[in-house]
Amino acid sequence: MKILDMLVPMKIEGLKVTLGVFLVTLVFSIPLAVIVALLRRSNNKAISGVTATYIYIMRGTPLLLQLMFIFFG
């Protein structure tokens, strides 16, 4: 029972961190997605093409690889 009493506060703290990361991600990802979608639908071929390339790269590479590029520059 002592171990369970020690683990519950750690689990609650981890849940708080997880929910915080989720909310921050949600706040930034939805506006970014709307902007990218609007740029993709643009009548300007250059803007639409650059946005299509961005989407192609983001869809085609694994998330871990993207995170490594962001983290290591």
PDB file of N, CA and C in Angstrom:
ATOM      1  N   MET A   1       0.816  -1.189   0.000  1.00  0.00           N
ATOM      2  CA  MET A   1       0.000   0.000   0.000  1.00  0.00           C
ATOM      3  C   MET A   1       0.863   1.257   0.000  1.00  0.00           C
ATOM      4  N   LYS A   2       2.057   1.189   0.602  1.00  0.00           N
ATOM      5  CA  LYS A   2       2.922   2.355   0.642  1.00  0.00           C
ATOM      6  C   LYS A   2       3.370   2.747  -0.763  1.00  0.00           C
ATOM      7  N   ILE A   3       3.653   1.749  -1.585  1.00  0.00           N
ATOM      8  CA  ILE A   3       4.102   2.036  -2.950  1.00  0.00           C
ATOM      9  C   ILE A   3       2.986   2.719  -3.731  1.00  0.00           C
ATOM     10  N   LEU A   4       1.770   2.238  -3.574  1.00  0.00           N
ATOM     11  CA  LEU A   4       0.629   2.844  -4.261  1.00  0.00           C
ATOM     12  C   LEU A   4       0.418   4.282  -3.801  1.00  0.00           C
ATOM     13  N   ASP A   5       0.596   4.521  -2.510  1.00  0.00           N
ATOM     14  CA  ASP A   5       0.460   5.884  -1.988  1.00  0.00           C
ATOM     15  C   ASP A   5       1.523   6.814  -2.567  1.00  0.00           C
ATOM     16  N   MET A   6       2.698   6.274  -2.882  1.00  0.00           N
ATOM     17  CA  MET A   6       3.753   7.088  -3.486  1.00  0.00           C
ATOM     18  C   MET A   6       3.498   7.323  -4.974  1.00  0.00           C
ATOM     19  N   LEU A   7       2.913   6.354  -5.640  1.00  0.00           N
ATOM     20  CA  LEU A   7       2.742   6.440  -7.087  1.00  0.00           C
ATOM     21  C   LEU A   7       1.586   7.339  -7.512  1.00  0.00           C
ATOM     22  N   VAL A   8       0.544   7.412  -6.725  1.00  0.00           N
ATOM     23  CA  VAL A   8      -0.631   8.197  -7.108  1.00  0.00           C
ATOM     24  C   VAL A   8      -0.292   9.675  -7.313  1.00  0.00           C
ATOM     25  N   PRO A   9       0.445  10.336  -6.413  1.00  0.00           N
ATOM     26  CA  PRO A   9       0.790  11.744  -6.679  1.00  0.00           C
ATOM     27  C   PRO A   9       1.651  11.918  -7.936  1.00  0.00           C
ATOM     28  N   MET A  10       2.542  10.967  -8.184  1.00  0.00           N
ATOM     29  CA  MET A  10       3.371  11.058  -9.393  1.00  0.00           C
ATOM     30  C   MET A  10       2.517  10.895 -10.643  1.00  0.00           C
ATOM     31  N   LYS A  11       1.558  10.003 -10.601  1.00  0.00           N
ATOM     32  CA  LYS A  11       0.656   9.818 -11.744  1.00  0.00           C
ATOM     33  C   LYS A  11      -0.181  11.071 -11.989  1.00  0.00           C
ATOM     34  N   ILE A  12      -0.656  11.691 -10.932  1.00  0.00           N
ATOM     35  CA  ILE A  12      -1.449  12.917 -11.071  1.00  0.00           C
ATOM     36  C   ILE A  12      -0.588  14.034 -11.649  1.00  0.00           C
ATOM     37  N   GLU A  13       0.655  14.145 -11.192  1.00  0.00           N
ATOM     38  CA  GLU A  13       1.565  15.163 -11.730  1.00  0.00           C
ATOM     39  C   GLU A  13       1.850  14.905 -13.211  1.00  0.00           C
ATOM     40  N   GLY A  14       2.045  13.651 -13.570  1.00  0.00           N
ATOM     41  CA  GLY A  14       2.252  13.306 -14.976  1.00  0.00           C
ATOM     42  C   GLY A  14       1.034  13.618 -15.827  1.00  0.00           C
ATOM     43  N   LEU A  15      -0.144  13.398 -15.287  1.00  0.00           N
ATOM     44  CA  LEU A  15      -1.380  13.724 -15.999  1.00  0.00           C
ATOM     45  C   LEU A  15      -1.492  15.224 -16.235  1.00  0.00           C
ATOM     46  N   LYS A  16      -1.105  16.026 -15.243  1.00  0.00           N
ATOM     47  CA  LYS A  16      -1.129  17.484 -15.402  1.00  0.00           C
ATOM     48  C   LYS A  16      -0.191  17.928 -16.521  1.00  0.00           C
ATOM     49  N   VAL A  17       1.006  17.358 -16.541  1.00  0.00           N
ATOM     50  CA  VAL A  17       1.976  17.716 -17.582  1.00  0.00           C
ATOM     51  C   VAL A  17       1.458  17.300 -18.952  1.00  0.00           C
ATOM     52  N   THR A  18       0.913  16.102 -19.047  1.00  0.00           N
ATOM     53  CA  THR A  18       0.388  15.610 -20.318  1.00  0.00           C
ATOM     54  C   THR A  18      -0.745  16.487 -20.828  1.00  0.00           C
ATOM     55  N   LEU A  19      -1.667  16.855 -19.961  1.00  0.00           N
ATOM     56  CA  LEU A  19      -2.769  17.726 -20.372  1.00  0.00           C
ATOM     57  C   LEU A  19      -2.270  19.113 -20.764  1.00  0.00           C
ATOM     58  N   GLY A  20      -1.252  19.609 -20.072  1.00  0.00           N
ATOM     59  CA  GLY A  20      -0.670  20.901 -20.428  1.00  0.00           C
ATOM     60  C   GLY A  20      -0.039  20.881 -21.810  1.00  0.00           C
ATOM     61  N   VAL A  21       0.720  19.836 -22.099  1.00  0.00           N
ATOM     62  CA  VAL A  21       1.335  19.697 -23.425  1.00  0.00           C
ATOM     63  C   VAL A  21       0.256  19.568 -24.488  1.00  0.00           C
ATOM     64  N   PHE A  22      -0.789  18.817 -24.201  1.00  0.00           N
ATOM     65  CA  PHE A  22      -1.889  18.658 -25.143  1.00  0.00           C
ATOM     66  C   PHE A  22      -2.550  19.994 -25.459  1.00  0.00           C
ATOM     67  N   LEU A  23      -2.816  20.790 -24.436  1.00  0.00           N
ATOM     68  CA  LEU A  23      -3.487  22.078 -24.649  1.00  0.00           C
ATOM     69  C   LEU A  23      -2.608  23.052 -25.430  1.00  0.00           C
ATOM     70  N   VAL A  24      -1.321  23.092 -25.118  1.00  0.00           N
ATOM     71  CA  VAL A  24      -0.407  23.973 -25.860  1.00  0.00           C
ATOM     72  C   VAL A  24      -0.339  23.547 -27.320  1.00  0.00           C
ATOM     73  N   THR A  25      -0.245  22.253 -27.550  1.00  0.00           N
ATOM     74  CA  THR A  25      -0.206  21.738 -28.919  1.00  0.00           C
ATOM     75  C   THR A  25      -1.487  22.077 -29.661  1.00  0.00           C
ATOM     76  N   LEU A  26      -2.609  21.939 -29.007  1.00  0.00           N
ATOM     77  CA  LEU A  26      -3.898  22.241 -29.624  1.00  0.00           C
ATOM     78  C   LEU A  26      -4.002  23.713 -29.992  1.00  0.00           C
ATOM     79  N   VAL A  27      -3.561  24.585 -29.098  1.00  0.00           N
ATOM     80  CA  VAL A  27      -3.649  26.029 -29.333  1.00  0.00           C
ATOM     81  C   VAL A  27      -2.804  26.442 -30.538  1.00  0.00           C
ATOM     82  N   PHE A  28      -1.655  25.809 -30.729  1.00  0.00           N
ATOM     83  CA  PHE A  28      -0.785  26.193 -31.837  1.00  0.00           C
ATOM     84  C   PHE A  28      -1.086  25.438 -33.130  1.00  0.00           C
ATOM     85  N   SER A  29      -1.557  24.206 -33.035  1.00  0.00           N
ATOM     86  CA  SER A  29      -1.728  23.404 -34.249  1.00  0.00           C
ATOM     87  C   SER A  29      -2.973  23.775 -35.049  1.00  0.00           C
ATOM     88  N   ILE A  30      -4.050  24.122 -34.390  1.00  0.00           N
ATOM     89  CA  ILE A  30      -5.274  24.452 -35.127  1.00  0.00           C
ATOM     90  C   ILE A  30      -5.111  25.723 -35.960  1.00  0.00           C
ATOM     91  N   PRO A  31      -4.589  26.830 -35.400  1.00  0.00           N
ATOM     92  CA  PRO A  31      -4.373  28.003 -36.264  1.00  0.00           C
ATOM     93  C   PRO A  31      -3.377  27.736 -37.390  1.00  0.00           C
ATOM     94  N   LEU A  32      -2.320  26.970 -37.108  1.00  0.00           N
ATOM     95  CA  LEU A  32      -1.354  26.637 -38.158  1.00  0.00           C
ATOM     96  C   LEU A  32      -2.021  25.840 -39.271  1.00  0.00           C
ATOM     97  N   ALA A  33      -2.866  24.892 -38.917  1.00  0.00           N
ATOM     98  CA  ALA A  33      -3.562  24.091 -39.922  1.00  0.00           C
ATOM     99  C   ALA A  33      -4.495  24.945 -40.770  1.00  0.00           C
ATOM    100  N   VAL A  34      -5.182  25.886 -40.149  1.00  0.00           N
ATOM    101  CA  VAL A  34      -6.081  26.770 -40.902  1.00  0.00           C
ATOM    102  C   VAL A  34      -5.278  27.634 -41.873  1.00  0.00           C
ATOM    103  N   ILE A  35      -4.161  28.180 -41.406  1.00  0.00           N
ATOM    104  CA  ILE A  35      -3.322  29.010 -42.277  1.00  0.00           C
ATOM    105  C   ILE A  35      -2.782  28.200 -43.445  1.00  0.00           C
ATOM    106  N   VAL A  36      -2.281  27.008 -43.180  1.00  0.00           N
ATOM    107  CA  VAL A  36      -1.746  26.160 -44.254  1.00  0.00           C
ATOM    108  C   VAL A  36      -2.847  25.788 -45.240  1.00  0.00           C
ATOM    109  N   ALA A  37      -4.029  25.485 -44.752  1.00  0.00           N
ATOM    110  CA  ALA A  37      -5.139  25.142 -45.650  1.00  0.00           C
ATOM    111  C   ALA A  37      -5.522  26.322 -46.533  1.00  0.00           C
ATOM    112  N   LEU A  38      -5.553  27.517 -45.957  1.00  0.00           N
ATOM    113  CA  LEU A  38      -5.887  28.698 -46.758  1.00  0.00           C
ATOM    114  C   LEU A  38      -4.801  28.996 -47.788  1.00  0.00           C
ATOM    115  N   LEU A  39      -3.547  28.834 -47.400  1.00  0.00           N
ATOM    116  CA  LEU A  39      -2.456  29.053 -48.354  1.00  0.00           C
ATOM    117  C   LEU A  39      -2.484  28.011 -49.471  1.00  0.00           C
ATOM    118  N   ARG A  40      -2.844  26.788 -49.140  1.00  0.00           N
ATOM    119  CA  ARG A  40      -2.903  25.719 -50.151  1.00  0.00           C
ATOM    120  C   ARG A  40      -3.992  26.000 -51.176  1.00  0.00           C
ATOM    121  N   ARG A  41      -5.067  26.622 -50.756  1.00  0.00           N
ATOM    122  CA  ARG A  41      -6.179  26.925 -51.660  1.00  0.00           C
ATOM    123  C   ARG A  41      -5.993  28.243 -52.403  1.00  0.00           C
ATOM    124  N   SER A  42      -4.850  28.880 -52.212  1.00  0.00           N
ATOM    125  CA  SER A  42      -4.575  30.170 -52.833  1.00  0.00           C
ATOM    126  C   SER A  42      -4.543  30.051 -54.358  1.00  0.00           C
ATOM    127  N   ASN A  43      -4.952  31.124 -55.038  1.00  0.00           N
ATOM    128  CA  ASN A  43      -4.891  31.154 -56.498  1.00  0.00           C
ATOM    129  C   ASN A  43      -3.478  31.417 -57.000  1.00  0.00           C
ATOM    130  N   ASN A  44      -2.610  31.919 -56.134  1.00  0.00           N
ATOM    131  CA  ASN A  44      -1.221  32.159 -56.487  1.00  0.00           C
ATOM    132  C   ASN A  44      -0.496  30.810 -56.566  1.00  0.00           C
ATOM    133  N   LYS A  45       0.035  30.491 -57.752  1.00  0.00           N
ATOM    134  CA  LYS A  45       0.663  29.177 -57.970  1.00  0.00           C
ATOM    135  C   LYS A  45       1.899  28.986 -57.094  1.00  0.00           C
ATOM    136  N   ALA A  46       2.676  30.048 -56.879  1.00  0.00           N
ATOM    137  CA  ALA A  46       3.893  29.922 -56.076  1.00  0.00           C
ATOM    138  C   ALA A  46       3.554  29.592 -54.624  1.00  0.00           C
ATOM    139  N   ILE A  47       2.615  30.321 -54.058  1.00  0.00           N
ATOM    140  CA  ILE A  47       2.222  30.077 -52.661  1.00  0.00           C
ATOM    141  C   ILE A  47       1.606  28.693 -52.517  1.00  0.00           C
ATOM    142  N   SER A  48       0.734  28.339 -53.434  1.00  0.00           N
ATOM    143  CA  SER A  48       0.092  27.031 -53.389  1.00  0.00           C
ATOM    144  C   SER A  48       1.121  25.909 -53.548  1.00  0.00           C
ATOM    145  N   GLY A  49       2.096  26.118 -54.425  1.00  0.00           N
ATOM    146  CA  GLY A  49       3.130  25.101 -54.645  1.00  0.00           C
ATOM    147  C   GLY A  49       4.027  24.908 -53.438  1.00  0.00           C
ATOM    148  N   VAL A  50       4.439  26.014 -52.815  1.00  0.00           N
ATOM    149  CA  VAL A  50       5.279  25.919 -51.613  1.00  0.00           C
ATOM    150  C   VAL A  50       4.512  25.224 -50.494  1.00  0.00           C
ATOM    151  N   THR A  51       3.252  25.565 -50.353  1.00  0.00           N
ATOM    152  CA  THR A  51       2.430  24.935 -49.319  1.00  0.00           C
ATOM    153  C   THR A  51       2.228  23.449 -49.606  1.00  0.00           C
ATOM    154  N   ALA A  52       2.027  23.100 -50.869  1.00  0.00           N
ATOM    155  CA  ALA A  52       1.873  21.691 -51.238  1.00  0.00           C
ATOM    156  C   ALA A  52       3.152  20.913 -50.933  1.00  0.00           C
ATOM    157  N   THR A  53       4.306  21.534 -51.178  1.00  0.00           N
ATOM    158  CA  THR A  53       5.581  20.884 -50.864  1.00  0.00           C
ATOM    159  C   THR A  53       5.724  20.680 -49.358  1.00  0.00           C
ATOM    160  N   TYR A  54       5.359  21.694 -48.579  1.00  0.00           N
ATOM    161  CA  TYR A  54       5.401  21.583 -47.119  1.00  0.00           C
ATOM    162  C   TYR A  54       4.516  20.425 -46.645  1.00  0.00           C
ATOM    163  N   ILE A  55       3.312  20.349 -47.173  1.00  0.00           N
ATOM    164  CA  ILE A  55       2.386  19.280 -46.786  1.00  0.00           C
ATOM    165  C   ILE A  55       2.943  17.916 -47.181  1.00  0.00           C
ATOM    166  N   TYR A  56       3.512  17.827 -48.378  1.00  0.00           N
ATOM    167  CA  TYR A  56       4.088  16.572 -48.868  1.00  0.00           C
ATOM    168  C   TYR A  56       5.217  16.101 -47.947  1.00  0.00           C
ATOM    169  N   ILE A  57       6.075  17.034 -47.541  1.00  0.00           N
ATOM    170  CA  ILE A  57       7.199  16.676 -46.668  1.00  0.00           C
ATOM    171  C   ILE A  57       6.697  16.265 -45.286  1.00  0.00           C
ATOM    172  N   MET A  58       5.743  17.007 -44.737  1.00  0.00           N
ATOM    173  CA  MET A  58       5.235  16.692 -43.400  1.00  0.00           C
ATOM    174  C   MET A  58       4.502  15.348 -43.376  1.00  0.00           C
ATOM    175  N   ARG A  59       3.810  15.032 -44.429  1.00  0.00           N
ATOM    176  CA  ARG A  59       3.098  13.749 -44.487  1.00  0.00           C
ATOM    177  C   ARG A  59       4.043  12.590 -44.757  1.00  0.00           C
ATOM    178  N   GLY A  60       5.121  12.862 -45.493  1.00  0.00           N
ATOM    179  CA  GLY A  60       5.987  11.784 -45.964  1.00  0.00           C
ATOM    180  C   GLY A  60       7.120  11.398 -45.042  1.00  0.00           C
ATOM    181  N   THR A  61       7.381  12.183 -44.008  1.00  0.00           N
ATOM    182  CA  THR A  61       8.485  11.847 -43.112  1.00  0.00           C
ATOM    183  C   THR A  61       7.943  11.401 -41.759  1.00  0.00           C
ATOM    184  N   PRO A  62       8.638  10.472 -41.120  1.00  0.00           N
ATOM    185  CA  PRO A  62       8.202  10.022 -39.796  1.00  0.00           C
ATOM    186  C   PRO A  62       8.289  11.154 -38.768  1.00  0.00           C
ATOM    187  N   LEU A  63       7.406  11.122 -37.806  1.00  0.00           N
ATOM    188  CA  LEU A  63       7.352  12.163 -36.783  1.00  0.00           C
ATOM    189  C   LEU A  63       8.658  12.244 -36.005  1.00  0.00           C
ATOM    190  N   LEU A  64       9.262  11.103 -35.711  1.00  0.00           N
ATOM    191  CA  LEU A  64      10.514  11.112 -34.957  1.00  0.00           C
ATOM    192  C   LEU A  64      11.611  11.835 -35.732  1.00  0.00           C
ATOM    193  N   LEU A  65      11.658  11.652 -37.035  1.00  0.00           N
ATOM    194  CA  LEU A  65      12.636  12.350 -37.866  1.00  0.00           C
ATOM    195  C   LEU A  65      12.379  13.853 -37.856  1.00  0.00           C
ATOM    196  N   GLN A  66      11.138  14.262 -37.924  1.00  0.00           N
ATOM    197  CA  GLN A  66      10.797  15.685 -37.854  1.00  0.00           C
ATOM    198  C   GLN A  66      11.227  16.276 -36.513  1.00  0.00           C
ATOM    199  N   LEU A  67      10.985  15.548 -35.436  1.00  0.00           N
ATOM    200  CA  LEU A  67      11.382  16.025 -34.114  1.00  0.00           C
ATOM    201  C   LEU A  67      12.894  16.149 -33.999  1.00  0.00           C
ATOM    202  N   MET A  68      13.635  15.224 -34.603  1.00  0.00           N
ATOM    203  CA  MET A  68      15.095  15.314 -34.583  1.00  0.00           C
ATOM    204  C   MET A  68      15.572  16.541 -35.340  1.00  0.00           C
ATOM    205  N   PHE A  69      14.964  16.834 -36.499  1.00  0.00           N
ATOM    206  CA  PHE A  69      15.337  18.029 -37.253  1.00  0.00           C
ATOM    207  C   PHE A  69      15.047  19.294 -36.449  1.00  0.00           C
ATOM    208  N   ILE A  70      13.931  19.326 -35.763  1.00  0.00           N
ATOM    209  CA  ILE A  70      13.579  20.502 -34.963  1.00  0.00           C
ATOM    210  C   ILE A  70      14.519  20.636 -33.766  1.00  0.00           C
ATOM    211  N   PHE A  71      14.792  19.530 -33.096  1.00  0.00           N
ATOM    212  CA  PHE A  71      15.605  19.573 -31.878  1.00  0.00           C
ATOM    213  C   PHE A  71      17.067  19.893 -32.171  1.00  0.00           C
ATOM    214  N   PHE A  72      17.633  19.234 -33.190  1.00  0.00           N
ATOM    215  CA  PHE A  72      19.054  19.404 -33.489  1.00  0.00           C
ATOM    216  C   PHE A  72      19.323  20.499 -34.509  1.00  0.00           C
ATOM    217  N   GLY A  73      18.284  21.115 -35.028  1.00  0.00           N
ATOM    218  CA  GLY A  73      18.460  22.248 -35.942  1.00  0.00           C
ATOM    219  C   GLY A  73      18.602  21.784 -37.326  1.00  0.00           C
TER     220      GLY A  73
END
